[in-house]
C-alpha atoms as a PDB file:
ATOM      1  CA  MET A   1       1.279  -7.040   7.942  1.00  0.00           C
ATOM      2  CA  LYS A   2      -0.198 -10.307   6.768  1.00  0.00           C
ATOM      3  CA  LYS A   3       0.230 -11.232   3.105  1.00  0.00           C
ATOM      4  CA  GLU A   4      -3.516 -11.373   2.560  1.00  0.00           C
ATOM      5  CA  TYR A   5      -3.648  -7.615   3.275  1.00  0.00           C
ATOM      6  CA  ARG A   6      -1.046  -6.784   0.606  1.00  0.00           C
ATOM      7  CA  VAL A   7      -1.447  -6.214  -3.093  1.00  0.00           C
ATOM      8  CA  LYS A   8       1.373  -8.063  -4.849  1.00  0.00           C
ATOM      9  CA  ARG A   9       0.370  -9.079  -8.368  1.00  0.00           C
ATOM     10  CA  SER A  10       0.879  -6.618 -11.210  1.00  0.00           C
ATOM     11  CA  GLN A  11      -2.631  -7.405 -12.478  1.00  0.00           C
ATOM     12  CA  ASP A  12      -4.081  -6.237  -9.139  1.00  0.00           C
ATOM     13  CA  PHE A  13      -1.997  -3.049  -9.280  1.00  0.00           C
ATOM     14  CA  ASP A  14      -3.216  -2.398 -12.832  1.00  0.00           C
ATOM     15  CA  ASN A  15      -6.859  -2.734 -11.724  1.00  0.00           C
ATOM     16  CA  ILE A  16      -6.307  -0.398  -8.785  1.00  0.00           C
ATOM     17  CA  ILE A  17      -4.518   2.187 -10.922  1.00  0.00           C
ATOM     18  CA  ARG A  18      -7.281   2.048 -13.517  1.00  0.00           C
ATOM     19  CA  LYS A  19      -9.893   2.665 -10.775  1.00  0.00           C
ATOM     20  CA  LYS A  20      -7.731   5.463  -9.277  1.00  0.00           C
ATOM     21  CA  GLN A  21      -7.752   3.963  -5.793  1.00  0.00           C
ATOM     22  CA  SER A  22      -4.617   5.490  -4.326  1.00  0.00           C
ATOM     23  CA  PHE A  23      -3.123   8.186  -2.138  1.00  0.00           C
ATOM     24  CA  ALA A  24       0.129   9.807  -3.167  1.00  0.00           C
ATOM     25  CA  ASN A  25       2.751  12.294  -2.098  1.00  0.00           C
ATOM     26  CA  ARG A  26       6.291  12.976  -3.311  1.00  0.00           C
ATOM     27  CA  GLN A  27       7.803  10.079  -1.385  1.00  0.00           C
ATOM     28  CA  PHE A  28       5.438   7.160  -1.969  1.00  0.00           C
ATOM     29  CA  VAL A  29       2.060   5.974  -3.244  1.00  0.00           C
ATOM     30  CA  ILE A  30      -0.382   3.840  -1.273  1.00  0.00           C
ATOM     31  CA  TYR A  31      -2.685   1.733  -3.433  1.00  0.00           C
ATOM     32  CA  TYR A  32      -5.773   0.156  -1.891  1.00  0.00           C
ATOM     33  CA  GLN A  33      -8.363  -2.336  -3.023  1.00  0.00           C
ATOM     34  CA  LYS A  34     -11.779  -2.581  -1.422  1.00  0.00           C
ATOM     35  CA  ASN A  35     -13.349  -6.010  -1.205  1.00  0.00           C
ATOM     36  CA  ASN A  36     -16.172  -7.893   0.507  1.00  0.00           C
ATOM     37  CA  LEU A  37     -13.973  -9.023   3.387  1.00  0.00           C
ATOM     38  CA  ASP A  38     -13.537  -7.232   6.699  1.00  0.00           C
ATOM     39  CA  HIS A  39     -10.212  -5.777   5.530  1.00  0.00           C
ATOM     40  CA  MET A  40      -8.876  -3.959   2.508  1.00  0.00           C
ATOM     41  CA  ARG A  41      -5.729  -4.793   0.573  1.00  0.00           C
ATOM     42  CA  LEU A  42      -2.835  -2.340   0.318  1.00  0.00           C
ATOM     43  CA  GLY A  43       0.161  -1.896  -1.942  1.00  0.00           C
ATOM     44  CA  ILE A  44       2.966   0.633  -1.485  1.00  0.00           C
ATOM     45  CA  SER A  45       5.396   2.094  -3.988  1.00  0.00           C
ATOM     46  CA  VAL A  46       8.386   4.126  -2.743  1.00  0.00           C
ATOM     47  CA  SER A  47      10.085   6.595  -5.074  1.00  0.00           C
ATOM     48  CA  LYS A  48      13.676   6.012  -6.140  1.00  0.00           C
ATOM     49  CA  LYS A  49      14.258   9.688  -5.391  1.00  0.00           C
ATOM     50  CA  ILE A  50      13.998   8.833  -1.691  1.00  0.00           C
ATOM     51  CA  ARG A  51      16.432   5.901  -1.648  1.00  0.00           C
ATOM     52  CA  LYS A  52      18.319   4.400  -4.561  1.00  0.00           C
ATOM     53  CA  SER A  53      18.847   1.064  -2.846  1.00  0.00           C
ATOM     54  CA  THR A  54      16.096  -1.533  -3.191  1.00  0.00           C
ATOM     55  CA  PHE A  55      16.923  -2.751   0.302  1.00  0.00           C
ATOM     56  CA  GLU A  56      16.278   0.701   1.800  1.00  0.00           C
ATOM     57  CA  ARG A  57      13.042   1.195  -0.154  1.00  0.00           C
ATOM     58  CA  ASN A  58      11.771  -2.207   0.992  1.00  0.00           C
ATOM     59  CA  LYS A  59      12.591  -1.309   4.589  1.00  0.00           C
ATOM     60  CA  ILE A  60      10.586   1.916   4.229  1.00  0.00           C
ATOM     61  CA  LYS A  61       7.651  -0.046   2.773  1.00  0.00           C
ATOM     62  CA  LYS A  62       7.826  -2.533   5.631  1.00  0.00           C
ATOM     63  CA  ASP A  63       7.712   0.291   8.188  1.00  0.00           C
ATOM     64  CA  ILE A  64       4.719   1.884   6.453  1.00  0.00           C
ATOM     65  CA  TYR A  65       2.881  -1.462   6.276  1.00  0.00           C
ATOM     66  CA  GLU A  66       3.441  -2.018   9.999  1.00  0.00           C
ATOM     67  CA  LYS A  67       2.167   1.438  10.943  1.00  0.00           C
ATOM     68  CA  LEU A  68      -0.881   1.101   8.717  1.00  0.00           C
ATOM     69  CA  PHE A  69      -1.604  -2.381  10.037  1.00  0.00           C
ATOM     70  CA  LYS A  70      -1.618  -1.142  13.627  1.00  0.00           C
ATOM     71  CA  THR A  71      -4.108   1.619  12.785  1.00  0.00           C
ATOM     72  CA  ARG A  72      -5.997  -0.172   9.986  1.00  0.00           C
ATOM     73  CA  LYS A  73      -9.448   0.095  11.564  1.00  0.00           C
ATOM     74  CA  GLU A  74      -9.242   3.897  11.502  1.00  0.00           C
ATOM     75  CA  TYR A  75      -8.362   3.927   7.794  1.00  0.00           C
ATOM     76  CA  VAL A  76     -11.020   1.428   6.773  1.00  0.00           C
ATOM     77  CA  LYS A  77     -13.728   3.540   8.398  1.00  0.00           C
ATOM     78  CA  LYS A  78     -12.581   6.650   6.505  1.00  0.00           C
ATOM     79  CA  LEU A  79     -12.695   4.894   3.140  1.00  0.00           C
END
């Protein structure tokens, strides 16, 4: 997924959390930010309960980003 589609800065995460723009389950949280562009921005947080290793959690996030990127048009229409 391109970097422009990701939420990286802690200030952006704080704004999203304050606006309650997220989906969550026991394994991870997907944060999203609507904007005036033709795409939304996403951030993912994976629980340490799933994998203790940072490397493994980052790999999970990468896989989720890739799957969401491939089907992004479906998700944007629903939001």
